[in-house]
Amino acid sequence: MEKRKMKPGAFFRRYFRIMVSGTVLICIILVAIFADQIAPMDPYKVDMYNINQRPGGEHIFGTDMYGRDLFSRVVHGTGISLSIAFIVSVIAMAIGTSLGLLVGYYKWADQVIMRFLEGWAAMPDLILTITLITVLGTGVDKVIIAMVMSRVTGICRLVRQQVLSLKEKEFVECAKASGASNLRVMFKYILPQCLSPLIIRFTSGMAGGIMGLAGLAFLGVGIDPRIPSWGGIINEGRAMVMAYPYQCAYAGVAIMITTLAFSILGDGLRDILDPKLR
């Protein structure tokens, strides 16, 4: 039986959000990669003779209270925000997936590890992250560790739910009957069936990571305020937001566009990958 071809109209209706959000994200990634060429001015350079310059002329986005070029800081902040969010999402996905497979497949692990993770997840993510940073100390590496630890439980629960529904299926029983080891069953037969929800979770995790990093930087926690991150730019500009609103606006728009693009991409992928929505 021949597979019906999708009409152009139906194709664009189905993939429109993915194409638009994907295009936006590609542009943002290119900005991060070519930040030095796009914004050649030093984002760390302090110039007390040009403090609080309004947008225009040499400084497209104006300058902040230290005379630093805001356009350069926003552009270079793109790479910092994306890279930290990506590292956090990848590490959290790897740890959460491994734990989810373990607790979903073995009852003893579910009774021990999951009870601990449920208690761990009782605290809201932002408060938990701030608490961990307070204990671990400041620095980008400490921020990454804290953000990873606050996100593992949600991914673990997602994978555990998938494993519980899959491990009694016929193809898993056949694999066991053929002599496959438990690790082989988990990673070769069960894990591929979990990829669709994990991909969707990864995109939403990127949006959440960017928002979480911005929130931490806005609160002045973890990252050195001299590093040009979007949340840090807003934090520095809020003291003079009434007189110079542009010092917060550009970084805020960058956060909004990026998180919205990841969220729309995740929604589009969910509609395609989730069999219940097909």
C-alpha atoms as a PDB file:
ATOM      1  CA  MET A   1       0.000   0.000   0.000  1.00  0.00           C
ATOM      2  CA  GLU A   2       1.444   3.319  -1.080  1.00  0.00           C
ATOM      3  CA  LYS A   3       1.993   5.987   1.499  1.00  0.00           C
ATOM      4  CA  ARG A   4      -0.101   9.070   0.886  1.00  0.00           C
ATOM      5  CA  LYS A   5       1.870  12.197   0.135  1.00  0.00           C
ATOM      6  CA  MET A   6       1.246  15.178   2.360  1.00  0.00           C
ATOM      7  CA  LYS A   7      -0.206  18.204   0.602  1.00  0.00           C
ATOM      8  CA  PRO A   8       1.861  21.443   0.771  1.00  0.00           C
ATOM      9  CA  GLY A   9      -0.795  23.175   2.864  1.00  0.00           C
ATOM     10  CA  ALA A  10      -0.926  20.366   5.388  1.00  0.00           C
ATOM     11  CA  PHE A  11       2.872  20.191   5.460  1.00  0.00           C
ATOM     12  CA  PHE A  12       3.226  23.877   6.329  1.00  0.00           C
ATOM     13  CA  ARG A  13       0.456  23.712   8.935  1.00  0.00           C
ATOM     14  CA  ARG A  14       2.176  20.806  10.607  1.00  0.00           C
ATOM     15  CA  TYR A  15       5.759  22.019  10.423  1.00  0.00           C
ATOM     16  CA  PHE A  16       5.295  25.815  10.404  1.00  0.00           C
ATOM     17  CA  ARG A  17       6.119  26.317  14.086  1.00  0.00           C
ATOM     18  CA  ILE A  18       9.183  24.098  13.848  1.00  0.00           C
ATOM     19  CA  MET A  19      10.473  25.923  10.759  1.00  0.00           C
ATOM     20  CA  VAL A  20       9.942  29.395  12.218  1.00  0.00           C
ATOM     21  CA  SER A  21      11.324  28.630  15.686  1.00  0.00           C
ATOM     22  CA  GLY A  22      14.189  26.601  14.184  1.00  0.00           C
ATOM     23  CA  THR A  23      15.141  29.492  11.892  1.00  0.00           C
ATOM     24  CA  VAL A  24      15.127  31.906  14.828  1.00  0.00           C
ATOM     25  CA  LEU A  25      17.278  29.565  16.918  1.00  0.00           C
ATOM     26  CA  ILE A  26      19.751  29.061  14.074  1.00  0.00           C
ATOM     27  CA  CYS A  27      20.127  32.840  13.811  1.00  0.00           C
ATOM     28  CA  ILE A  28      20.662  33.091  17.583  1.00  0.00           C
ATOM     29  CA  ILE A  29      23.278  30.316  17.489  1.00  0.00           C
ATOM     30  CA  LEU A  30      25.071  32.073  14.617  1.00  0.00           C
ATOM     31  CA  VAL A  31      25.106  35.275  16.677  1.00  0.00           C
ATOM     32  CA  ALA A  32      26.732  33.346  19.518  1.00  0.00           C
ATOM     33  CA  ILE A  33      29.323  31.749  17.221  1.00  0.00           C
ATOM     34  CA  PHE A  34      30.275  34.956  15.397  1.00  0.00           C
ATOM     35  CA  ALA A  35      29.926  37.305  18.375  1.00  0.00           C
ATOM     36  CA  ASP A  36      33.427  38.736  17.928  1.00  0.00           C
ATOM     37  CA  GLN A  37      32.692  39.676  14.314  1.00  0.00           C
ATOM     38  CA  ILE A  38      29.186  41.006  14.985  1.00  0.00           C
ATOM     39  CA  ALA A  39      30.181  43.048  18.043  1.00  0.00           C
ATOM     40  CA  PRO A  40      33.911  43.778  17.839  1.00  0.00           C
ATOM     41  CA  MET A  41      33.941  46.148  20.852  1.00  0.00           C
ATOM     42  CA  ASP A  42      35.225  44.719  24.116  1.00  0.00           C
ATOM     43  CA  PRO A  43      32.210  43.860  26.325  1.00  0.00           C
ATOM     44  CA  TYR A  44      34.402  44.113  29.450  1.00  0.00           C
ATOM     45  CA  LYS A  45      35.981  47.496  28.703  1.00  0.00           C
ATOM     46  CA  VAL A  46      35.054  50.182  31.246  1.00  0.00           C
ATOM     47  CA  ASP A  47      34.872  53.755  29.916  1.00  0.00           C
ATOM     48  CA  MET A  48      33.878  56.254  32.597  1.00  0.00           C
ATOM     49  CA  TYR A  49      33.810  59.055  30.025  1.00  0.00           C
ATOM     50  CA  ASN A  50      30.898  57.437  28.174  1.00  0.00           C
ATOM     51  CA  ILE A  51      28.645  56.184  30.947  1.00  0.00           C
ATOM     52  CA  ASN A  52      24.890  55.903  30.321  1.00  0.00           C
ATOM     53  CA  GLN A  53      25.112  56.875  26.669  1.00  0.00           C
ATOM     54  CA  ARG A  54      21.770  56.522  24.888  1.00  0.00           C
ATOM     55  CA  PRO A  55      21.461  54.226  21.850  1.00  0.00           C
ATOM     56  CA  GLY A  56      22.882  55.562  18.619  1.00  0.00           C
ATOM     57  CA  GLY A  57      26.119  56.365  16.884  1.00  0.00           C
ATOM     58  CA  GLU A  58      29.073  54.240  17.903  1.00  0.00           C
ATOM     59  CA  HIS A  59      27.054  52.471  20.613  1.00  0.00           C
ATOM     60  CA  ILE A  60      24.004  50.942  18.913  1.00  0.00           C
ATOM     61  CA  PHE A  61      22.369  49.879  22.197  1.00  0.00           C
ATOM     62  CA  GLY A  62      23.984  52.615  24.268  1.00  0.00           C
ATOM     63  CA  THR A  63      26.283  52.100  27.253  1.00  0.00           C
ATOM     64  CA  ASP A  64      25.726  51.053  30.851  1.00  0.00           C
ATOM     65  CA  MET A  65      26.656  52.744  34.113  1.00  0.00           C
ATOM     66  CA  TYR A  66      30.291  51.736  33.596  1.00  0.00           C
ATOM     67  CA  GLY A  67      30.486  52.919  30.001  1.00  0.00           C
ATOM     68  CA  ARG A  68      30.541  49.388  28.586  1.00  0.00           C
ATOM     69  CA  ASP A  69      28.968  48.870  25.175  1.00  0.00           C
ATOM     70  CA  LEU A  70      25.576  47.218  25.678  1.00  0.00           C
ATOM     71  CA  PHE A  71      25.356  45.811  22.158  1.00  0.00           C
ATOM     72  CA  SER A  72      28.615  43.910  22.675  1.00  0.00           C
ATOM     73  CA  ARG A  73      27.501  42.688  26.094  1.00  0.00           C
ATOM     74  CA  VAL A  74      24.130  41.435  24.813  1.00  0.00           C
ATOM     75  CA  VAL A  75      25.714  39.737  21.793  1.00  0.00           C
ATOM     76  CA  HIS A  76      28.472  38.056  23.817  1.00  0.00           C
ATOM     77  CA  GLY A  77      25.913  37.147  26.469  1.00  0.00           C
ATOM     78  CA  THR A  78      24.158  35.024  23.842  1.00  0.00           C
ATOM     79  CA  GLY A  79      26.962  32.478  23.739  1.00  0.00           C
ATOM     80  CA  ILE A  80      27.312  32.393  27.521  1.00  0.00           C
ATOM     81  CA  SER A  81      23.587  31.878  28.105  1.00  0.00           C
ATOM     82  CA  LEU A  82      23.207  29.245  25.379  1.00  0.00           C
ATOM     83  CA  SER A  83      26.347  27.310  26.295  1.00  0.00           C
ATOM     84  CA  ILE A  84      25.524  27.080  30.009  1.00  0.00           C
ATOM     85  CA  ALA A  85      21.895  26.123  29.295  1.00  0.00           C
ATOM     86  CA  PHE A  86      23.071  23.482  26.804  1.00  0.00           C
ATOM     87  CA  ILE A  87      25.649  21.977  29.167  1.00  0.00           C
ATOM     88  CA  VAL A  88      23.106  21.880  31.995  1.00  0.00           C
ATOM     89  CA  SER A  89      20.465  20.254  29.770  1.00  0.00           C
ATOM     90  CA  VAL A  90      22.846  17.600  28.394  1.00  0.00           C
ATOM     91  CA  ILE A  91      24.260  16.603  31.790  1.00  0.00           C
ATOM     92  CA  ALA A  92      20.844  16.620  33.469  1.00  0.00           C
ATOM     93  CA  MET A  93      19.416  14.566  30.589  1.00  0.00           C
ATOM     94  CA  ALA A  94      22.197  11.980  30.849  1.00  0.00           C
ATOM     95  CA  ILE A  95      21.949  11.597  34.634  1.00  0.00           C
ATOM     96  CA  GLY A  96      18.141  11.777  34.743  1.00  0.00           C
ATOM     97  CA  THR A  97      17.758   9.242  31.930  1.00  0.00           C
ATOM     98  CA  SER A  98      20.156   6.777  33.567  1.00  0.00           C
ATOM     99  CA  LEU A  99      18.413   7.077  36.924  1.00  0.00           C
ATOM    100  CA  GLY A 100      14.997   6.830  35.268  1.00  0.00           C
ATOM    101  CA  LEU A 101      15.950   3.598  33.534  1.00  0.00           C
ATOM    102  CA  LEU A 102      17.317   2.229  36.791  1.00  0.00           C
ATOM    103  CA  VAL A 103      14.350   3.078  39.037  1.00  0.00           C
ATOM    104  CA  GLY A 104      11.820   2.093  36.388  1.00  0.00           C
ATOM    105  CA  TYR A 105      13.388  -1.289  35.698  1.00  0.00           C
ATOM    106  CA  TYR A 106      14.370  -2.362  39.217  1.00  0.00           C
ATOM    107  CA  LYS A 107      11.807  -2.237  42.031  1.00  0.00           C
ATOM    108  CA  TRP A 108      14.476  -1.985  44.733  1.00  0.00           C
ATOM    109  CA  ALA A 109      15.947   1.108  43.045  1.00  0.00           C
ATOM    110  CA  ASP A 110      12.491   2.638  42.762  1.00  0.00           C
ATOM    111  CA  GLN A 111      11.885   2.178  46.470  1.00  0.00           C
ATOM    112  CA  VAL A 112      15.248   3.626  47.495  1.00  0.00           C
ATOM    113  CA  ILE A 113      16.357   6.197  44.902  1.00  0.00           C
ATOM    114  CA  MET A 114      12.930   7.539  43.951  1.00  0.00           C
ATOM    115  CA  ARG A 115      11.980   8.220  47.560  1.00  0.00           C
ATOM    116  CA  PHE A 116      15.147  10.290  47.939  1.00  0.00           C
ATOM    117  CA  LEU A 117      14.524  12.173  44.687  1.00  0.00           C
ATOM    118  CA  GLU A 118      10.930  12.944  45.651  1.00  0.00           C
ATOM    119  CA  GLY A 119      12.144  14.524  48.875  1.00  0.00           C
ATOM    120  CA  TRP A 120      14.824  16.360  46.895  1.00  0.00           C
ATOM    121  CA  ALA A 121      12.189  17.732  44.508  1.00  0.00           C
ATOM    122  CA  ALA A 122       9.979  19.040  47.308  1.00  0.00           C
ATOM    123  CA  MET A 123      11.848  22.352  47.176  1.00  0.00           C
ATOM    124  CA  PRO A 124      11.175  24.665  44.168  1.00  0.00           C
ATOM    125  CA  ASP A 125      13.908  24.590  41.524  1.00  0.00           C
ATOM    126  CA  LEU A 126      15.043  28.204  41.938  1.00  0.00           C
ATOM    127  CA  ILE A 127      15.251  28.023  45.728  1.00  0.00           C
ATOM    128  CA  LEU A 128      17.020  24.669  45.536  1.00  0.00           C
ATOM    129  CA  THR A 129      19.523  26.031  43.015  1.00  0.00           C
ATOM    130  CA  ILE A 130      20.244  29.106  45.137  1.00  0.00           C
ATOM    131  CA  THR A 131      20.700  26.908  48.209  1.00  0.00           C
ATOM    132  CA  LEU A 132      23.134  24.630  46.371  1.00  0.00           C
ATOM    133  CA  ILE A 133      25.125  27.591  45.045  1.00  0.00           C
ATOM    134  CA  THR A 134      25.320  28.972  48.582  1.00  0.00           C
ATOM    135  CA  VAL A 135      26.764  25.665  49.739  1.00  0.00           C
ATOM    136  CA  LEU A 136      29.035  25.018  46.737  1.00  0.00           C
ATOM    137  CA  GLY A 137      30.227  28.590  46.233  1.00  0.00           C
ATOM    138  CA  THR A 138      30.278  30.959  43.274  1.00  0.00           C
ATOM    139  CA  GLY A 139      31.526  30.278  39.763  1.00  0.00           C
ATOM    140  CA  VAL A 140      30.163  29.059  36.450  1.00  0.00           C
ATOM    141  CA  ASP A 141      31.000  25.435  37.255  1.00  0.00           C
ATOM    142  CA  LYS A 142      29.139  25.656  40.570  1.00  0.00           C
ATOM    143  CA  VAL A 143      26.112  27.183  38.828  1.00  0.00           C
ATOM    144  CA  ILE A 144      26.088  24.330  36.304  1.00  0.00           C
ATOM    145  CA  ILE A 145      26.276  21.694  39.061  1.00  0.00           C
ATOM    146  CA  ALA A 146      23.484  23.350  41.039  1.00  0.00           C
ATOM    147  CA  MET A 147      21.204  23.728  38.006  1.00  0.00           C
ATOM    148  CA  VAL A 148      21.812  20.111  36.978  1.00  0.00           C
ATOM    149  CA  MET A 149      20.997  18.786  40.436  1.00  0.00           C
ATOM    150  CA  SER A 150      17.733  20.738  40.543  1.00  0.00           C
ATOM    151  CA  ARG A 151      16.585  19.347  37.154  1.00  0.00           C
ATOM    152  CA  VAL A 152      17.496  15.675  37.377  1.00  0.00           C
ATOM    153  CA  THR A 153      14.370  14.607  39.267  1.00  0.00           C
ATOM    154  CA  GLY A 154      11.914  15.783  36.604  1.00  0.00           C
ATOM    155  CA  ILE A 155      13.756  13.920  33.842  1.00  0.00           C
ATOM    156  CA  CYS A 156      14.068  10.823  36.022  1.00  0.00           C
ATOM    157  CA  ARG A 157      10.315  10.800  36.608  1.00  0.00           C
ATOM    158  CA  LEU A 158       9.623  11.154  32.883  1.00  0.00           C
ATOM    159  CA  VAL A 159      11.862   8.209  31.947  1.00  0.00           C
ATOM    160  CA  ARG A 160      10.619   6.104  34.869  1.00  0.00           C
ATOM    161  CA  GLN A 161       7.046   6.515  33.691  1.00  0.00           C
ATOM    162  CA  GLN A 162       8.021   5.409  30.186  1.00  0.00           C
ATOM    163  CA  VAL A 163       9.987   2.410  31.464  1.00  0.00           C
ATOM    164  CA  LEU A 164       7.135   1.235  33.689  1.00  0.00           C
ATOM    165  CA  SER A 165       4.797   1.196  30.703  1.00  0.00           C
ATOM    166  CA  LEU A 166       7.318  -0.486  28.377  1.00  0.00           C
ATOM    167  CA  LYS A 167       9.040  -3.164  30.426  1.00  0.00           C
ATOM    168  CA  GLU A 168       6.020  -5.479  30.318  1.00  0.00           C
ATOM    169  CA  LYS A 169       5.610  -5.201  26.543  1.00  0.00           C
ATOM    170  CA  GLU A 170       6.039  -8.229  24.317  1.00  0.00           C
ATOM    171  CA  PHE A 171       9.208  -7.028  22.589  1.00  0.00           C
ATOM    172  CA  VAL A 172      10.904  -6.636  25.991  1.00  0.00           C
ATOM    173  CA  GLU A 173       9.796 -10.095  27.088  1.00  0.00           C
ATOM    174  CA  CYS A 174      11.102 -11.517  23.794  1.00  0.00           C
ATOM    175  CA  ALA A 175      14.464  -9.825  24.339  1.00  0.00           C
ATOM    176  CA  LYS A 176      14.705 -11.317  27.840  1.00  0.00           C
ATOM    177  CA  ALA A 177      13.730 -14.742  26.521  1.00  0.00           C
ATOM    178  CA  SER A 178      16.468 -14.552  23.895  1.00  0.00           C
ATOM    179  CA  GLY A 179      19.061 -14.127  26.639  1.00  0.00           C
ATOM    180  CA  ALA A 180      19.595 -10.346  26.526  1.00  0.00           C
ATOM    181  CA  SER A 181      21.074  -8.900  29.707  1.00  0.00           C
ATOM    182  CA  ASN A 182      19.214  -6.302  31.738  1.00  0.00           C
ATOM    183  CA  LEU A 183      21.548  -3.525  30.563  1.00  0.00           C
ATOM    184  CA  ARG A 184      21.028  -4.548  26.945  1.00  0.00           C
ATOM    185  CA  VAL A 185      17.266  -4.581  27.412  1.00  0.00           C
ATOM    186  CA  MET A 186      17.284  -1.145  29.030  1.00  0.00           C
ATOM    187  CA  PHE A 187      19.573   0.633  26.584  1.00  0.00           C
ATOM    188  CA  LYS A 188      18.823  -1.175  23.319  1.00  0.00           C
ATOM    189  CA  TYR A 189      15.109  -1.933  23.572  1.00  0.00           C
ATOM    190  CA  ILE A 190      13.583   0.464  26.122  1.00  0.00           C
ATOM    191  CA  LEU A 191      15.673   3.640  25.795  1.00  0.00           C
ATOM    192  CA  PRO A 192      14.950   4.180  22.048  1.00  0.00           C
ATOM    193  CA  GLN A 193      11.234   4.183  22.873  1.00  0.00           C
ATOM    194  CA  CYS A 194      11.851   7.062  25.315  1.00  0.00           C
ATOM    195  CA  LEU A 195      13.652   9.326  22.850  1.00  0.00           C
ATOM    196  CA  SER A 196      10.585  11.256  21.656  1.00  0.00           C
ATOM    197  CA  PRO A 197       9.573  12.606  25.104  1.00  0.00           C
ATOM    198  CA  LEU A 198      13.235  13.194  25.929  1.00  0.00           C
ATOM    199  CA  ILE A 199      13.745  15.335  22.814  1.00  0.00           C
ATOM    200  CA  ILE A 200      10.694  17.391  23.730  1.00  0.00           C
ATOM    201  CA  ARG A 201      11.933  17.670  27.317  1.00  0.00           C
ATOM    202  CA  PHE A 202      15.357  18.792  26.093  1.00  0.00           C
ATOM    203  CA  THR A 203      13.905  21.765  24.179  1.00  0.00           C
ATOM    204  CA  SER A 204      11.801  22.832  27.147  1.00  0.00           C
ATOM    205  CA  GLY A 205      14.857  22.285  29.343  1.00  0.00           C
ATOM    206  CA  MET A 206      16.857  24.705  27.198  1.00  0.00           C
ATOM    207  CA  ALA A 207      14.170  27.373  27.652  1.00  0.00           C
ATOM    208  CA  GLY A 208      14.040  26.674  31.377  1.00  0.00           C
ATOM    209  CA  GLY A 209      17.829  26.720  31.620  1.00  0.00           C
ATOM    210  CA  ILE A 210      18.073  30.137  29.982  1.00  0.00           C
ATOM    211  CA  MET A 211      15.328  31.516  32.220  1.00  0.00           C
ATOM    212  CA  GLY A 212      16.883  29.921  35.305  1.00  0.00           C
ATOM    213  CA  LEU A 213      20.340  31.279  34.517  1.00  0.00           C
ATOM    214  CA  ALA A 214      18.885  34.719  33.875  1.00  0.00           C
ATOM    215  CA  GLY A 215      17.016  34.568  37.186  1.00  0.00           C
ATOM    216  CA  LEU A 216      20.154  33.621  39.088  1.00  0.00           C
ATOM    217  CA  ALA A 217      22.216  36.345  37.413  1.00  0.00           C
ATOM    218  CA  PHE A 218      19.437  38.866  38.054  1.00  0.00           C
ATOM    219  CA  LEU A 219      19.582  37.983  41.740  1.00  0.00           C
ATOM    220  CA  GLY A 220      23.366  38.302  41.656  1.00  0.00           C
ATOM    221  CA  VAL A 221      23.922  34.634  42.525  1.00  0.00           C
ATOM    222  CA  GLY A 222      26.631  32.388  41.174  1.00  0.00           C
ATOM    223  CA  ILE A 223      28.015  34.043  38.055  1.00  0.00           C
ATOM    224  CA  ASP A 224      30.546  36.860  38.250  1.00  0.00           C
ATOM    225  CA  PRO A 225      28.582  40.053  37.455  1.00  0.00           C
ATOM    226  CA  ARG A 226      31.398  41.202  35.158  1.00  0.00           C
ATOM    227  CA  ILE A 227      30.600  38.313  32.795  1.00  0.00           C
ATOM    228  CA  PRO A 228      28.119  39.552  30.153  1.00  0.00           C
ATOM    229  CA  SER A 229      25.079  37.372  30.788  1.00  0.00           C
ATOM    230  CA  TRP A 230      21.550  38.491  29.941  1.00  0.00           C
ATOM    231  CA  GLY A 231      20.302  38.262  33.520  1.00  0.00           C
ATOM    232  CA  GLY A 232      23.348  40.108  34.806  1.00  0.00           C
ATOM    233  CA  ILE A 233      22.809  42.935  32.302  1.00  0.00           C
ATOM    234  CA  ILE A 234      19.220  43.332  33.525  1.00  0.00           C
ATOM    235  CA  ASN A 235      20.389  43.226  37.146  1.00  0.00           C
ATOM    236  CA  GLU A 236      22.902  46.003  36.549  1.00  0.00           C
ATOM    237  CA  GLY A 237      20.422  48.122  34.605  1.00  0.00           C
ATOM    238  CA  ARG A 238      17.491  47.880  37.009  1.00  0.00           C
ATOM    239  CA  ALA A 239      18.962  50.513  39.347  1.00  0.00           C
ATOM    240  CA  MET A 240      18.535  53.112  36.574  1.00  0.00           C
ATOM    241  CA  VAL A 241      15.609  51.563  34.726  1.00  0.00           C
ATOM    242  CA  MET A 242      13.388  54.656  35.082  1.00  0.00           C
ATOM    243  CA  ALA A 243      15.972  56.988  33.547  1.00  0.00           C
ATOM    244  CA  TYR A 244      17.588  54.518  31.138  1.00  0.00           C
ATOM    245  CA  PRO A 245      15.107  51.689  30.413  1.00  0.00           C
ATOM    246  CA  TYR A 246      17.117  50.516  27.403  1.00  0.00           C
ATOM    247  CA  GLN A 247      19.790  49.140  29.750  1.00  0.00           C
ATOM    248  CA  CYS A 248      17.355  46.363  30.701  1.00  0.00           C
ATOM    249  CA  ALA A 249      15.191  46.199  27.589  1.00  0.00           C
ATOM    250  CA  TYR A 250      17.587  44.666  25.056  1.00  0.00           C
ATOM    251  CA  ALA A 251      18.683  41.784  27.264  1.00  0.00           C
ATOM    252  CA  GLY A 252      15.059  41.188  28.264  1.00  0.00           C
ATOM    253  CA  VAL A 253      14.003  40.995  24.619  1.00  0.00           C
ATOM    254  CA  ALA A 254      16.849  38.547  23.903  1.00  0.00           C
ATOM    255  CA  ILE A 255      15.681  36.280  26.750  1.00  0.00           C
ATOM    256  CA  MET A 256      12.062  36.499  25.596  1.00  0.00           C
ATOM    257  CA  ILE A 257      12.822  35.662  21.946  1.00  0.00           C
ATOM    258  CA  THR A 258      15.144  32.754  22.791  1.00  0.00           C
ATOM    259  CA  THR A 259      12.917  31.093  25.382  1.00  0.00           C
ATOM    260  CA  LEU A 260       9.848  31.603  23.196  1.00  0.00           C
ATOM    261  CA  ALA A 261      11.624  29.992  20.230  1.00  0.00           C
ATOM    262  CA  PHE A 262      12.619  26.949  22.303  1.00  0.00           C
ATOM    263  CA  SER A 263       9.114  26.657  23.739  1.00  0.00           C
ATOM    264  CA  ILE A 264       7.469  26.847  20.301  1.00  0.00           C
ATOM    265  CA  LEU A 265       9.973  24.313  18.944  1.00  0.00           C
ATOM    266  CA  GLY A 266       9.124  21.958  21.793  1.00  0.00           C
ATOM    267  CA  ASP A 267       5.388  22.322  21.162  1.00  0.00           C
ATOM    268  CA  GLY A 268       5.881  21.622  17.469  1.00  0.00           C
ATOM    269  CA  LEU A 269       7.996  18.544  18.142  1.00  0.00           C
ATOM    270  CA  ARG A 270       5.452  17.281  20.661  1.00  0.00           C
ATOM    271  CA  ASP A 271       2.650  17.498  18.104  1.00  0.00           C
ATOM    272  CA  ILE A 272       4.732  15.436  15.649  1.00  0.00           C
ATOM    273  CA  LEU A 273       6.432  12.936  17.972  1.00  0.00           C
ATOM    274  CA  ASP A 274       3.657  12.278  20.482  1.00  0.00           C
ATOM    275  CA  PRO A 275       1.540   9.409  19.039  1.00  0.00           C
ATOM    276  CA  LYS A 276      -1.481  10.534  21.070  1.00  0.00           C
ATOM    277  CA  LEU A 277      -1.588  13.841  19.128  1.00  0.00           C
ATOM    278  CA  ARG A 278      -1.148  12.414  15.630  1.00  0.00           C
END
